[in-house]
Amino acid sequence: MRPIVYGILASFFFSFTFVMNQAMTLSGGSWMWSASLRFLFMIPFLLIIVVYRKGLGALLSDMKKRLGLWIGWSTVGLGVMYAPVCYAAEYEPSLRGHGR
């Protein structure tokens, strides 16, 4: 049952970022800013999970040892996942011009 709850929560938060992205796009915000905020939006949630599992010390230690690796994969996460999704959302057919 736990994996199902995690999946539902993950879906909710991922969908919520699409709502935020649409609101930013309609207000004239850049897709680059939206992608960065989506990436940063995940940090508090991941930090809560790490602290809950009592792994913050190990995480910080590993980040110190392999800072380049952490920055590299974070860049891949932003550049491969969030940036294209936000770019596509800005140019998708949406509610703009439909009076909603």
Protein backbone atom coordinates (compact mmCIF):
# COMPACT_ATOMS: atom_id res chain seq x y z
CA MET A 1 0.00 0.00 0.00
CA ARG A 2 2.89 2.35 0.76
CA PRO A 3 4.16 2.44 -2.88
CA ILE A 4 0.69 3.39 -4.06
CA VAL A 5 0.51 6.28 -1.57
CA TYR A 6 3.99 7.43 -2.65
CA GLY A 7 2.94 7.27 -6.28
CA ILE A 8 -0.18 9.31 -5.64
CA LEU A 9 1.77 11.93 -3.69
CA ALA A 10 4.44 12.11 -6.38
CA SER A 11 1.77 12.53 -9.05
CA PHE A 12 0.10 15.29 -7.06
CA PHE A 13 3.29 17.28 -6.60
CA PHE A 14 4.41 16.76 -10.18
CA SER A 15 0.99 17.90 -11.44
CA PHE A 16 1.08 20.87 -9.09
CA THR A 17 4.27 22.07 -10.77
CA PHE A 18 2.42 22.06 -14.11
CA VAL A 19 -0.24 24.32 -12.60
CA MET A 20 2.48 26.66 -11.31
CA ASN A 21 4.18 26.57 -14.72
CA GLN A 22 0.94 27.48 -16.51
CA ALA A 23 0.30 30.35 -14.09
CA MET A 24 3.81 31.70 -14.67
CA THR A 25 3.45 31.38 -18.44
CA LEU A 26 0.11 33.21 -18.46
CA SER A 27 1.60 36.03 -16.38
CA GLY A 28 4.48 36.47 -18.83
CA GLY A 29 7.20 34.57 -16.97
CA SER A 30 10.08 32.92 -18.78
CA TRP A 31 10.22 29.15 -19.22
CA MET A 32 13.81 29.25 -17.91
CA TRP A 33 12.71 30.78 -14.62
CA SER A 34 9.90 28.26 -14.36
CA ALA A 35 12.29 25.35 -14.93
CA SER A 36 14.64 26.63 -12.23
CA LEU A 37 11.78 27.03 -9.77
CA ARG A 38 10.53 23.52 -10.50
CA PHE A 39 13.98 22.17 -9.75
CA LEU A 40 14.31 24.21 -6.54
CA PHE A 41 10.73 23.31 -5.53
CA MET A 42 11.81 19.68 -5.05
CA ILE A 43 14.69 20.42 -2.65
CA PRO A 44 12.59 20.97 0.52
CA PHE A 45 10.60 17.77 -0.08
CA LEU A 46 13.71 15.70 -0.67
CA LEU A 47 15.37 17.26 2.38
CA ILE A 48 12.38 16.32 4.55
CA ILE A 49 12.65 12.72 3.38
CA VAL A 50 16.40 12.60 4.07
CA VAL A 51 16.02 14.12 7.55
CA TYR A 52 13.13 11.76 8.34
CA ARG A 53 15.33 8.79 7.45
CA LYS A 54 18.19 10.22 9.53
CA GLY A 55 20.53 10.43 6.55
CA LEU A 56 21.41 14.13 6.49
CA GLY A 57 24.95 13.62 7.82
CA ALA A 58 25.70 10.93 5.25
CA LEU A 59 24.21 13.08 2.49
CA LEU A 60 26.28 16.14 3.37
CA SER A 61 29.41 14.02 3.69
CA ASP A 62 28.86 12.47 0.27
CA MET A 63 28.14 15.87 -1.27
CA LYS A 64 31.46 17.19 0.08
CA LYS A 65 33.37 14.20 -1.31
CA ARG A 66 31.74 14.26 -4.75
CA LEU A 67 30.59 17.83 -5.27
CA GLY A 68 31.34 17.78 -9.00
CA LEU A 69 29.28 14.62 -9.47
CA TRP A 70 26.35 16.12 -7.53
CA ILE A 71 26.46 19.34 -9.55
CA GLY A 72 26.79 17.41 -12.81
CA TRP A 73 23.79 15.17 -12.19
CA SER A 74 21.75 18.11 -10.89
CA THR A 75 22.49 19.91 -14.13
CA VAL A 76 21.36 16.85 -16.07
CA GLY A 77 18.17 16.74 -14.00
CA LEU A 78 17.44 20.39 -14.73
CA GLY A 79 18.62 20.37 -18.32
CA VAL A 80 17.09 17.08 -19.43
CA MET A 81 13.92 16.98 -17.38
CA TYR A 82 12.63 20.34 -16.25
CA ALA A 83 13.89 22.72 -18.95
CA PRO A 84 12.33 20.85 -21.92
CA VAL A 85 9.05 20.31 -20.04
CA CYS A 86 8.77 24.01 -19.21
CA TYR A 87 9.83 25.05 -22.72
CA ALA A 88 7.19 22.79 -24.25
CA ALA A 89 4.52 24.02 -21.83
CA GLU A 90 5.16 27.60 -22.92
CA TYR A 91 4.49 26.76 -26.56
CA GLU A 92 1.67 24.25 -26.13
CA PRO A 93 -1.92 25.11 -26.98
CA SER A 94 -3.39 26.40 -23.76
CA LEU A 95 -6.21 28.50 -22.40
CA ARG A 96 -4.62 31.73 -23.65
CA GLY A 97 -7.06 33.64 -25.80
CA HIS A 98 -10.04 31.54 -24.74
CA GLY A 99 -11.19 33.92 -22.03
CA ARG A 100 -10.49 31.57 -19.16
